[in-house]
């Protein structure tokens, strides 16, 4: 069910989230990742975001590290976070 994005697509997706979500990226993050690009299911995204909430730091930032790592390892984490 999960669509595996390429590295450029991962960066551009998170850049879109960061640009559209000025002041609060949570709703935009879910919209882009789950509804628009279908990288994760609703349940998978909720699990990643839930884990991001218990870790120190911004929730969506933590989720970007985990989602990037899921698709492209350490490079994916760096790509997603820098896009955000």
N, C-alpha and C. Protein backbone atom coordinates (compact mmCIF):
# COMPACT_ATOMS: atom_id res chain seq x y z
N UNK A 1 0.82 -1.19 0.00
CA UNK A 1 0.00 0.00 0.00
C UNK A 1 0.87 1.26 0.00
N UNK A 2 2.00 1.23 0.67
CA UNK A 2 2.87 2.39 0.72
C UNK A 2 3.58 2.57 -0.62
N UNK A 3 3.60 3.79 -1.10
CA UNK A 3 4.32 4.12 -2.33
C UNK A 3 5.71 4.61 -1.92
N UNK A 4 6.74 4.04 -2.50
CA UNK A 4 8.10 4.43 -2.13
C UNK A 4 8.53 5.62 -3.00
N UNK A 5 8.73 6.78 -2.37
CA UNK A 5 9.15 7.95 -3.14
C UNK A 5 10.65 7.90 -3.44
N UNK A 6 11.03 8.49 -4.56
CA UNK A 6 12.45 8.67 -4.84
C UNK A 6 13.01 9.76 -3.94
N UNK A 7 14.31 9.92 -3.94
CA UNK A 7 14.93 10.92 -3.07
C UNK A 7 14.50 12.34 -3.41
N UNK A 8 14.43 12.66 -4.70
CA UNK A 8 13.99 14.00 -5.08
C UNK A 8 12.53 14.22 -4.70
N UNK A 9 11.70 13.21 -4.93
CA UNK A 9 10.28 13.32 -4.57
C UNK A 9 10.12 13.49 -3.06
N UNK A 10 10.93 12.79 -2.28
CA UNK A 10 10.90 12.92 -0.83
C UNK A 10 11.25 14.36 -0.42
N UNK A 11 12.31 14.89 -1.00
CA UNK A 11 12.71 16.26 -0.69
C UNK A 11 11.62 17.25 -1.09
N UNK A 12 11.09 17.12 -2.30
CA UNK A 12 10.08 18.06 -2.78
C UNK A 12 8.78 17.97 -1.97
N UNK A 13 8.42 16.76 -1.54
CA UNK A 13 7.23 16.60 -0.70
C UNK A 13 7.39 17.33 0.62
N UNK A 14 8.53 17.17 1.25
CA UNK A 14 8.75 17.85 2.52
C UNK A 14 8.98 19.34 2.34
N UNK A 15 9.53 19.76 1.21
CA UNK A 15 9.66 21.19 0.93
C UNK A 15 8.27 21.82 0.80
N UNK A 16 7.36 21.10 0.15
CA UNK A 16 5.99 21.59 0.02
C UNK A 16 5.33 21.72 1.38
N UNK A 17 5.53 20.72 2.24
CA UNK A 17 4.97 20.77 3.58
C UNK A 17 5.50 21.99 4.33
N UNK A 18 6.82 22.20 4.25
CA UNK A 18 7.42 23.31 4.96
C UNK A 18 6.97 24.66 4.44
N UNK A 19 6.79 24.78 3.13
CA UNK A 19 6.38 26.06 2.55
C UNK A 19 4.90 26.36 2.78
N UNK A 20 4.06 25.37 2.69
CA UNK A 20 2.63 25.59 2.89
C UNK A 20 2.24 25.70 4.35
N UNK A 21 2.99 25.08 5.21
CA UNK A 21 2.61 24.99 6.61
C UNK A 21 3.27 26.01 7.51
N UNK A 22 3.58 27.18 7.00
CA UNK A 22 4.23 28.20 7.82
C UNK A 22 3.39 28.48 9.05
N UNK A 23 3.97 28.28 10.23
CA UNK A 23 3.25 28.49 11.48
C UNK A 23 2.64 27.22 12.04
N UNK A 24 2.62 26.15 11.29
CA UNK A 24 2.07 24.88 11.76
C UNK A 24 1.99 23.89 10.62
N UNK A 25 2.85 22.91 10.63
CA UNK A 25 2.93 21.99 9.49
C UNK A 25 2.20 20.67 9.71
N UNK A 26 1.65 20.44 10.89
CA UNK A 26 1.00 19.17 11.19
C UNK A 26 -0.08 18.76 10.21
N UNK A 27 -1.10 19.60 9.99
CA UNK A 27 -2.16 19.22 9.05
C UNK A 27 -1.66 19.05 7.62
N UNK A 28 -0.74 19.90 7.19
CA UNK A 28 -0.20 19.80 5.84
C UNK A 28 0.62 18.52 5.68
N UNK A 29 1.34 18.16 6.72
CA UNK A 29 2.14 16.95 6.67
C UNK A 29 1.26 15.73 6.41
N UNK A 30 0.20 15.61 7.16
CA UNK A 30 -0.71 14.48 6.98
C UNK A 30 -1.34 14.50 5.59
N UNK A 31 -1.77 15.67 5.15
CA UNK A 31 -2.41 15.78 3.84
C UNK A 31 -1.47 15.33 2.72
N UNK A 32 -0.26 15.83 2.73
CA UNK A 32 0.69 15.51 1.66
C UNK A 32 1.11 14.04 1.71
N UNK A 33 1.46 13.55 2.89
CA UNK A 33 2.00 12.19 3.03
C UNK A 33 0.94 11.11 2.84
N UNK A 34 -0.23 11.31 3.41
CA UNK A 34 -1.27 10.26 3.39
C UNK A 34 -2.21 10.41 2.19
N UNK A 35 -2.76 11.59 2.00
CA UNK A 35 -3.80 11.77 0.99
C UNK A 35 -3.25 12.03 -0.40
N UNK A 36 -2.33 12.97 -0.50
CA UNK A 36 -1.87 13.40 -1.82
C UNK A 36 -0.87 12.42 -2.44
N UNK A 37 0.19 12.10 -1.70
CA UNK A 37 1.26 11.28 -2.28
C UNK A 37 1.16 9.80 -1.94
N UNK A 38 0.35 9.46 -0.94
CA UNK A 38 0.10 8.07 -0.54
C UNK A 38 1.38 7.30 -0.19
N UNK A 39 2.27 7.98 0.52
CA UNK A 39 3.51 7.32 0.95
C UNK A 39 3.24 6.38 2.12
N UNK A 40 2.28 6.74 2.97
CA UNK A 40 1.92 5.91 4.12
C UNK A 40 0.41 5.82 4.22
N UNK A 41 -0.05 4.75 4.86
CA UNK A 41 -1.48 4.64 5.16
C UNK A 41 -1.79 5.55 6.35
N UNK A 42 -3.06 5.78 6.58
CA UNK A 42 -3.48 6.61 7.72
C UNK A 42 -2.94 6.02 9.03
N UNK A 43 -3.03 4.72 9.16
CA UNK A 43 -2.58 4.06 10.38
C UNK A 43 -1.06 4.18 10.56
N UNK A 44 -0.31 3.93 9.49
CA UNK A 44 1.15 4.04 9.58
C UNK A 44 1.57 5.45 9.94
N UNK A 45 0.92 6.45 9.34
CA UNK A 45 1.27 7.84 9.65
C UNK A 45 0.95 8.15 11.12
N UNK A 46 -0.20 7.68 11.60
CA UNK A 46 -0.56 7.91 13.00
C UNK A 46 0.46 7.28 13.95
N UNK A 47 0.94 6.09 13.61
CA UNK A 47 1.94 5.44 14.46
C UNK A 47 3.25 6.22 14.48
N UNK A 48 3.69 6.68 13.31
CA UNK A 48 4.93 7.45 13.23
C UNK A 48 4.78 8.77 13.99
N UNK A 49 3.67 9.46 13.79
CA UNK A 49 3.46 10.73 14.47
C UNK A 49 3.33 10.53 15.98
N UNK A 50 2.68 9.45 16.39
CA UNK A 50 2.57 9.16 17.82
C UNK A 50 3.93 8.94 18.46
N UNK A 51 4.80 8.22 17.79
CA UNK A 51 6.15 8.03 18.30
C UNK A 51 6.90 9.36 18.32
N UNK A 52 6.69 10.19 17.29
CA UNK A 52 7.33 11.50 17.23
C UNK A 52 6.89 12.40 18.37
N UNK A 53 5.68 12.20 18.90
CA UNK A 53 5.18 13.02 20.00
C UNK A 53 5.85 12.70 21.33
N UNK A 54 6.30 11.47 21.50
CA UNK A 54 6.92 11.14 22.79
C UNK A 54 8.43 11.38 22.79
N UNK A 55 9.00 11.62 21.61
CA UNK A 55 10.43 11.94 21.53
C UNK A 55 10.61 13.45 21.69
N UNK A 56 11.75 13.86 22.20
CA UNK A 56 11.98 15.31 22.31
C UNK A 56 12.13 15.95 20.93
N UNK A 57 11.63 17.16 20.81
CA UNK A 57 11.73 17.88 19.54
C UNK A 57 10.37 18.03 18.90
N UNK A 58 10.33 18.69 17.74
CA UNK A 58 9.05 18.90 17.06
C UNK A 58 8.49 17.59 16.50
N UNK A 59 7.19 17.41 16.64
CA UNK A 59 6.54 16.16 16.22
C UNK A 59 6.76 15.85 14.75
N UNK A 60 6.48 16.81 13.89
CA UNK A 60 6.59 16.57 12.45
C UNK A 60 8.06 16.43 12.05
N UNK A 61 8.95 17.13 12.73
CA UNK A 61 10.38 16.98 12.46
C UNK A 61 10.84 15.56 12.78
N UNK A 62 10.40 15.05 13.92
CA UNK A 62 10.73 13.67 14.29
C UNK A 62 10.14 12.69 13.28
N UNK A 63 8.90 12.95 12.86
CA UNK A 63 8.26 12.08 11.88
C UNK A 63 9.01 12.11 10.55
N UNK A 64 9.52 13.28 10.16
CA UNK A 64 10.26 13.36 8.89
C UNK A 64 11.52 12.52 8.93
N UNK A 65 12.19 12.49 10.08
CA UNK A 65 13.38 11.66 10.22
C UNK A 65 13.02 10.19 10.08
N UNK A 66 11.93 9.77 10.73
CA UNK A 66 11.53 8.36 10.69
C UNK A 66 11.02 7.95 9.31
N UNK A 67 10.26 8.81 8.66
CA UNK A 67 9.72 8.48 7.34
C UNK A 67 10.84 8.46 6.31
N UNK A 68 11.73 9.45 6.37
CA UNK A 68 12.87 9.46 5.46
C UNK A 68 13.73 8.22 5.62
N UNK A 69 13.96 7.82 6.87
CA UNK A 69 14.76 6.62 7.15
C UNK A 69 14.08 5.37 6.61
N UNK A 70 12.77 5.30 6.73
CA UNK A 70 12.02 4.14 6.24
C UNK A 70 12.26 3.91 4.75
N UNK A 71 12.33 4.99 3.98
CA UNK A 71 12.44 4.86 2.53
C UNK A 71 13.88 4.85 2.02
N UNK A 72 14.78 5.63 2.64
CA UNK A 72 16.13 5.75 2.10
C UNK A 72 17.23 5.77 3.16
N UNK A 73 16.97 5.23 4.32
CA UNK A 73 18.00 5.16 5.35
C UNK A 73 18.42 6.53 5.85
N UNK A 74 19.68 6.64 6.25
CA UNK A 74 20.21 7.89 6.79
C UNK A 74 20.08 9.03 5.79
N UNK A 75 20.37 8.75 4.52
CA UNK A 75 20.25 9.79 3.48
C UNK A 75 18.81 10.29 3.40
N UNK A 76 17.84 9.41 3.51
CA UNK A 76 16.42 9.81 3.48
C UNK A 76 16.06 10.68 4.65
N UNK A 77 16.58 10.36 5.83
CA UNK A 77 16.33 11.19 7.01
C UNK A 77 16.85 12.61 6.79
N UNK A 78 18.04 12.71 6.27
CA UNK A 78 18.63 14.02 6.02
C UNK A 78 17.88 14.77 4.93
N UNK A 79 17.48 14.06 3.89
CA UNK A 79 16.75 14.68 2.77
C UNK A 79 15.39 15.21 3.25
N UNK A 80 14.64 14.40 3.97
CA UNK A 80 13.32 14.81 4.44
C UNK A 80 13.41 15.99 5.41
N UNK A 81 14.36 15.92 6.32
CA UNK A 81 14.52 17.00 7.30
C UNK A 81 14.97 18.29 6.63
N UNK A 82 15.86 18.20 5.67
CA UNK A 82 16.31 19.43 4.99
C UNK A 82 15.21 20.00 4.11
N UNK A 83 14.36 19.16 3.55
CA UNK A 83 13.23 19.66 2.78
C UNK A 83 12.23 20.39 3.65
N UNK A 84 12.01 19.87 4.84
CA UNK A 84 11.08 20.47 5.78
C UNK A 84 11.59 21.82 6.23
